[in-house]
Amino acid sequence: MKQPIVGYHKDDEDHWVAELACGHSQHVRHNPPWVVRHWVTTEMGRAAMLGQKLNCKLCKIDIVG
């Protein structure tokens, strides 16, 4: 289920985590070559992605469960 990004925070390992409108969160690492998310490395990039939707796997579990 797609949910918009409403904010960010860093986890205990200093990795960026997107806060989603549904109340769940999702890591948004830039970890090339597996995951390329240059936007997460700058404040301006993260701000530009606010409102963009990510697939929330936890919402899918809530619906099925």
Protein backbone atom coordinates (compact mmCIF):
# COMPACT_ATOMS: atom_id res chain seq x y z
CA MET A 1 0.00 0.00 0.00
CA LYS A 2 1.50 3.33 -1.07
CA GLN A 3 1.85 5.96 1.67
CA PRO A 4 3.23 9.52 1.43
CA ILE A 5 6.45 10.53 3.18
CA VAL A 6 5.68 13.08 5.91
CA GLY A 7 9.09 13.37 7.60
CA TYR A 8 12.44 11.76 8.37
CA HIS A 9 14.60 10.73 11.27
CA LYS A 10 17.84 8.81 11.75
CA ASP A 11 18.02 5.42 13.43
CA ASP A 12 20.57 4.27 16.01
CA GLU A 13 23.01 3.37 13.21
CA ASP A 14 22.75 6.88 11.65
CA HIS A 15 20.65 5.68 8.67
CA TRP A 16 17.78 7.77 7.31
CA VAL A 17 14.25 6.54 7.94
CA ALA A 18 11.19 7.95 6.17
CA GLU A 19 8.14 8.59 8.35
CA LEU A 20 4.98 7.68 6.46
CA ALA A 21 1.47 9.16 6.77
CA CYS A 22 0.14 5.81 8.00
CA GLY A 23 2.37 6.00 11.09
CA HIS A 24 4.83 3.36 9.90
CA SER A 25 8.41 4.05 8.87
CA GLN A 26 10.79 2.76 6.23
CA HIS A 27 14.56 2.97 5.78
CA VAL A 28 15.57 5.03 2.76
CA ARG A 29 19.24 4.13 2.40
CA HIS A 30 21.48 5.13 -0.46
CA ASN A 31 23.44 1.89 -0.81
CA PRO A 32 24.76 1.54 -4.37
CA PRO A 33 24.68 -0.62 -6.41
CA TRP A 34 21.69 -2.28 -4.73
CA VAL A 35 19.69 0.82 -3.81
CA VAL A 36 20.33 4.17 -5.50
CA ARG A 37 18.68 7.02 -3.63
CA HIS A 38 20.94 10.03 -4.08
CA TRP A 39 18.13 12.26 -2.82
CA VAL A 40 18.43 10.91 0.73
CA THR A 41 21.99 12.22 1.10
CA THR A 42 21.04 15.91 1.20
CA GLU A 43 18.52 17.98 3.13
CA MET A 44 17.22 19.49 -0.11
CA GLY A 45 16.82 16.03 -1.66
CA ARG A 46 14.87 14.73 1.32
CA ALA A 47 12.65 17.83 1.38
CA ALA A 48 11.90 17.39 -2.32
CA MET A 49 10.62 13.86 -1.64
CA LEU A 50 8.13 14.87 1.06
CA GLY A 51 4.69 13.81 -0.14
CA GLN A 52 6.07 11.18 -2.50
CA LYS A 53 4.64 7.73 -1.88
CA LEU A 54 6.55 4.64 -0.82
CA ASN A 55 5.19 1.12 -0.67
CA CYS A 56 4.45 0.39 3.02
CA LYS A 57 4.86 -3.33 3.57
CA LEU A 58 3.55 -3.03 7.13
CA CYS A 59 0.21 -1.62 5.93
CA LYS A 60 -0.15 -4.63 3.65
CA ILE A 61 0.43 -6.93 6.65
CA ASP A 62 -2.15 -4.98 8.72
CA ILE A 63 -4.75 -5.44 5.98
CA VAL A 64 -4.05 -9.16 5.49
CA GLY A 65 -3.60 -9.94 9.19
